Amino acid sequence: MKVHIIQHVPYESPGLIEDWCYQHNYAIEIIKQYESQSIPSVEDVEFLVIMGGPMNIYEDNRYPWLPKEKELISDCIQQGKKVFGVCLGAQLIADTLGSKIYQNKEKEIGWFPIQKSADLNFTAHIPQELMVLHWHGDTFTLPEKSTRLFESEVCENQGFIYDKHVVGLQFHVEMTEENLKEIVKHSQAELQEEGDYIQTEQEIMKFTIPKENKTFLFGLLDKMVRI
């Protein structure tokens, strides 16, 4: 199998998602939007992964590649391809499915717990509560005909599954130590903002990435492949 990964900025790379691909000997093609690389045709895609980024889904004028990316996501979903989105990626999927994307009541930046919202076989390998990295100010309404998978104290829709083959996660479980250093390094302005759910650089960096996050991610992606 070949996995196409859309990366929006240099400092939000696939991390553990790439490790998962290597573990299974899947071919990888990373489309670097910040280098204006060409979007693949839907016919070439088996498994599409959409990473995060600081841009918003409605900034088409500022990021001219956004409309084509949204079109690819829509085409992949309609043709039953496997689609997995992280943070901005989840918002782009939700937007494609007709959801409203809007500013959340609180920004979440740092390590905060999520809870499972649904008792599904798809998430049976995941603990009821898990500590994950958040880095978002926007959220979305739950896409029609999808199932909410996760929620947090200040963000109701932290993850969803649509039509069995499409999954969006608002939070980050793909983080390695190097990923964490990079996103903190390049996102200093956001860390200077005030908010009850915005941690400091020191708080974020001193936290040890839970080993359960890798189990979570690998198990979820494995189940998506088997669907």
Protein backbone atom coordinates (compact mmCIF):
# COMPACT_ATOMS: atom_id res chain seq x y z
CA MET A 1 0.00 0.00 0.00
CA LYS A 2 1.04 3.59 -0.61
CA VAL A 3 0.29 6.39 1.85
CA HIS A 4 0.07 9.97 0.58
CA ILE A 5 0.78 12.49 3.35
CA ILE A 6 -0.05 16.18 2.89
CA GLN A 7 2.28 18.35 5.01
CA HIS A 8 1.46 22.05 5.32
CA VAL A 9 4.49 23.44 7.15
CA PRO A 10 8.04 22.08 7.67
CA TYR A 11 7.66 21.82 11.44
CA GLU A 12 4.52 19.65 11.50
CA SER A 13 5.86 16.44 9.97
CA PRO A 14 4.21 13.00 10.12
CA GLY A 15 6.24 11.79 13.11
CA LEU A 16 4.83 8.49 14.37
CA ILE A 17 2.61 8.19 11.29
CA GLU A 18 5.76 7.82 9.21
CA ASP A 19 7.09 5.26 11.72
CA TRP A 20 3.86 3.29 11.32
CA CYS A 21 4.29 3.27 7.53
CA TYR A 22 7.87 2.03 7.82
CA GLN A 23 6.84 -0.69 10.26
CA HIS A 24 4.43 -2.09 7.67
CA ASN A 25 6.69 -1.45 4.68
CA TYR A 26 4.14 0.89 3.14
CA ALA A 27 5.35 3.27 0.47
CA ILE A 28 5.17 6.96 1.43
CA GLU A 29 4.81 10.09 -0.64
CA ILE A 30 4.88 13.38 1.28
CA ILE A 31 3.31 16.32 -0.53
CA LYS A 32 4.90 19.49 0.87
CA GLN A 33 2.39 22.26 0.34
CA TYR A 34 4.89 24.86 1.58
CA GLU A 35 7.06 23.96 -1.42
CA SER A 36 4.09 24.07 -3.82
CA GLN A 37 4.36 20.39 -4.68
CA SER A 38 1.64 18.97 -6.91
CA ILE A 39 -1.45 17.39 -5.36
CA PRO A 40 -1.89 13.76 -6.52
CA SER A 41 -4.92 12.68 -8.50
CA VAL A 42 -7.56 10.77 -6.58
CA GLU A 43 -6.91 7.71 -8.75
CA ASP A 44 -3.38 7.45 -7.35
CA VAL A 45 -4.44 7.61 -3.70
CA GLU A 46 -5.08 4.58 -1.49
CA PHE A 47 -4.64 6.15 1.95
CA LEU A 48 -4.61 9.93 2.37
CA VAL A 49 -3.20 11.58 5.52
CA ILE A 50 -3.63 15.33 6.10
CA MET A 51 -1.36 16.93 8.69
CA GLY A 52 -1.81 20.06 10.81
CA GLY A 53 -0.69 23.63 10.32
CA PRO A 54 -1.20 27.19 11.60
CA MET A 55 -3.44 28.26 8.72
CA ASN A 56 -7.25 28.20 8.81
CA ILE A 57 -9.42 26.24 6.39
CA TYR A 58 -11.05 29.43 5.08
CA GLU A 59 -7.82 31.22 4.07
CA ASP A 60 -8.00 30.27 0.38
CA ASN A 61 -6.73 33.68 -0.76
CA ARG A 62 -3.63 33.40 1.40
CA TYR A 63 -2.97 29.74 0.62
CA PRO A 64 -3.92 29.12 -3.02
CA TRP A 65 -3.33 25.37 -2.70
CA LEU A 66 -6.21 24.98 -0.21
CA PRO A 67 -9.06 24.63 -2.76
CA LYS A 68 -7.28 21.82 -4.62
CA GLU A 69 -6.52 20.04 -1.36
CA LYS A 70 -10.16 20.27 -0.29
CA GLU A 71 -11.21 18.92 -3.67
CA LEU A 72 -8.87 15.94 -3.29
CA ILE A 73 -10.19 15.22 0.21
CA SER A 74 -13.77 15.36 -1.08
CA ASP A 75 -13.01 13.09 -4.03
CA CYS A 76 -11.21 10.56 -1.80
CA ILE A 77 -14.13 10.42 0.62
CA GLN A 78 -16.69 10.03 -2.17
CA GLN A 79 -14.68 7.21 -3.74
CA GLY A 80 -14.31 5.32 -0.46
CA LYS A 81 -10.59 5.94 0.00
CA LYS A 82 -9.11 5.88 3.50
CA VAL A 83 -8.67 9.42 4.83
CA PHE A 84 -7.04 10.39 8.13
CA GLY A 85 -6.65 13.98 9.35
CA VAL A 86 -4.79 15.54 12.28
CA CYS A 87 -5.74 18.97 13.72
CA LEU A 88 -6.03 21.18 10.62
CA GLY A 89 -6.43 17.95 8.67
CA ALA A 90 -9.48 17.02 10.76
CA GLN A 91 -10.94 20.49 10.23
CA LEU A 92 -10.45 20.21 6.46
CA ILE A 93 -12.22 16.84 6.45
CA ALA A 94 -15.06 18.23 8.57
CA ASP A 95 -15.38 21.23 6.26
CA THR A 96 -15.50 18.94 3.24
CA LEU A 97 -18.33 17.01 4.92
CA GLY A 98 -20.34 20.19 5.40
CA SER A 99 -19.46 21.05 9.00
CA LYS A 100 -19.09 24.57 10.34
CA ILE A 101 -15.53 25.52 11.36
CA TYR A 102 -15.41 28.21 14.02
CA GLN A 103 -13.35 29.65 16.85
CA ASN A 104 -13.52 27.52 19.98
CA LYS A 105 -14.42 29.13 23.30
CA GLU A 106 -10.87 28.42 24.50
CA LYS A 107 -7.58 27.83 22.73
CA GLU A 108 -6.06 24.49 23.68
CA ILE A 109 -2.27 24.48 23.54
CA GLY A 110 -0.41 21.91 25.59
CA TRP A 111 -0.99 18.57 27.25
CA PHE A 112 -4.61 17.99 28.28
CA PRO A 113 -6.71 14.81 28.57
CA ILE A 114 -9.30 13.57 26.11
CA GLN A 115 -12.07 11.10 26.87
CA LYS A 116 -13.72 8.53 24.65
CA SER A 117 -17.22 9.54 23.61
CA ALA A 118 -18.33 6.27 22.07
CA ASP A 119 -17.79 2.64 23.01
CA LEU A 120 -16.87 1.22 19.63
CA ASN A 121 -14.78 -1.74 18.55
CA PHE A 122 -12.80 0.78 16.52
CA THR A 123 -11.52 2.42 19.72
CA ALA A 124 -11.54 -0.62 22.02
CA HIS A 125 -7.72 -0.60 22.25
CA ILE A 126 -7.71 2.97 23.59
CA PRO A 127 -8.03 3.88 27.32
CA GLN A 128 -11.12 5.80 28.43
CA GLU A 129 -8.90 8.82 29.07
CA LEU A 130 -5.60 9.72 27.43
CA MET A 131 -3.21 12.66 27.73
CA VAL A 132 -2.49 14.17 24.31
CA LEU A 133 -1.00 17.31 22.81
CA HIS A 134 -3.39 20.02 21.65
CA TRP A 135 -2.55 23.00 19.46
CA HIS A 136 -5.70 24.61 18.11
CA GLY A 137 -7.98 27.60 18.41
CA ASP A 138 -10.71 26.50 16.00
CA THR A 139 -13.13 23.63 16.27
CA PHE A 140 -15.97 22.21 14.16
CA THR A 141 -19.50 20.91 14.34
CA LEU A 142 -19.79 17.15 14.13
CA PRO A 143 -20.15 16.11 10.46
CA GLU A 144 -23.57 14.70 9.58
CA LYS A 145 -23.74 10.89 9.71
CA SER A 146 -20.45 10.68 11.63
CA THR A 147 -19.80 9.41 15.17
CA ARG A 148 -17.98 11.44 17.80
CA LEU A 149 -15.00 9.46 19.10
CA PHE A 150 -13.37 11.83 21.62
CA GLU A 151 -14.06 14.98 23.59
CA SER A 152 -12.27 17.19 26.10
CA GLU A 153 -13.30 19.60 28.83
CA VAL A 154 -13.45 22.62 26.52
CA CYS A 155 -13.82 21.03 23.08
CA GLU A 156 -16.76 18.73 22.44
CA ASN A 157 -15.62 17.38 19.06
CA GLN A 158 -12.06 16.10 19.44
CA GLY A 159 -12.39 13.27 16.95
CA PHE A 160 -14.88 11.54 14.69
CA ILE A 161 -15.31 8.66 12.27
CA TYR A 162 -17.34 8.94 9.10
CA ASP A 163 -18.57 6.05 6.96
CA LYS A 164 -15.96 3.73 8.56
CA HIS A 165 -13.07 4.85 6.32
CA VAL A 166 -12.64 8.52 7.33
CA VAL A 167 -11.20 9.64 10.68
CA GLY A 168 -10.40 13.13 11.95
CA LEU A 169 -8.56 13.91 15.20
CA GLN A 170 -8.37 17.48 16.51
CA PHE A 171 -5.40 16.63 18.75
CA HIS A 172 -1.90 15.31 18.06
CA VAL A 173 -0.89 11.71 18.78
CA GLU A 174 1.77 11.61 16.08
CA MET A 175 4.26 13.60 18.16
CA THR A 176 7.83 12.42 18.69
CA GLU A 177 10.27 14.38 20.86
CA GLU A 178 11.69 15.99 17.71
CA ASN A 179 8.20 16.93 16.48
CA LEU A 180 7.46 18.51 19.83
CA LYS A 181 10.65 20.58 19.81
CA GLU A 182 9.90 21.83 16.29
CA ILE A 183 6.32 22.90 16.87
CA VAL A 184 7.27 24.70 20.09
CA LYS A 185 10.21 26.40 18.38
CA HIS A 186 8.11 27.74 15.51
CA SER A 187 4.99 28.65 17.47
CA GLN A 188 6.38 30.93 20.17
CA ALA A 189 3.85 33.73 19.53
CA GLU A 190 0.93 31.50 20.47
CA LEU A 191 2.65 30.47 23.68
CA GLN A 192 2.75 34.12 24.76
CA GLU A 193 -1.03 34.39 24.65
CA GLU A 194 -3.06 34.20 27.83
CA GLY A 195 -5.63 31.48 28.40
CA ASP A 196 -6.67 28.87 30.92
CA TYR A 197 -5.74 26.13 28.46
CA ILE A 198 -2.50 27.53 27.08
CA GLN A 199 0.57 26.03 28.71
CA THR A 200 4.03 27.56 28.79
CA GLU A 201 6.95 26.23 26.77
CA GLN A 202 8.41 24.81 29.97
CA GLU A 203 5.19 22.97 30.85
CA ILE A 204 4.92 21.49 27.37
CA MET A 205 8.54 20.41 27.06
CA LYS A 206 8.91 18.87 30.52
CA PHE A 207 5.99 16.51 29.89
CA THR A 208 6.99 13.01 28.81
CA ILE A 209 5.12 11.85 25.70
CA PRO A 210 2.93 8.92 26.86
CA LYS A 211 3.87 5.55 25.34
CA GLU A 212 0.13 4.91 25.06
CA ASN A 213 -0.07 7.52 22.30
CA LYS A 214 1.92 5.33 19.93
CA THR A 215 -0.27 2.32 20.77
CA PHE A 216 -3.33 4.50 20.20
CA LEU A 217 -2.16 5.74 16.79
CA PHE A 218 -0.77 2.48 15.44
CA GLY A 219 -3.88 0.55 16.53
CA LEU A 220 -6.23 3.10 14.98
CA LEU A 221 -4.36 3.18 11.65
CA ASP A 222 -4.17 -0.62 11.59
CA LYS A 223 -7.94 -0.79 11.99
CA MET A 224 -8.44 1.74 9.21
CA VAL A 225 -6.38 -0.44 6.87
CA ARG A 226 -8.42 -3.52 7.72
CA ILE A 227 -11.78 -1.82 7.11
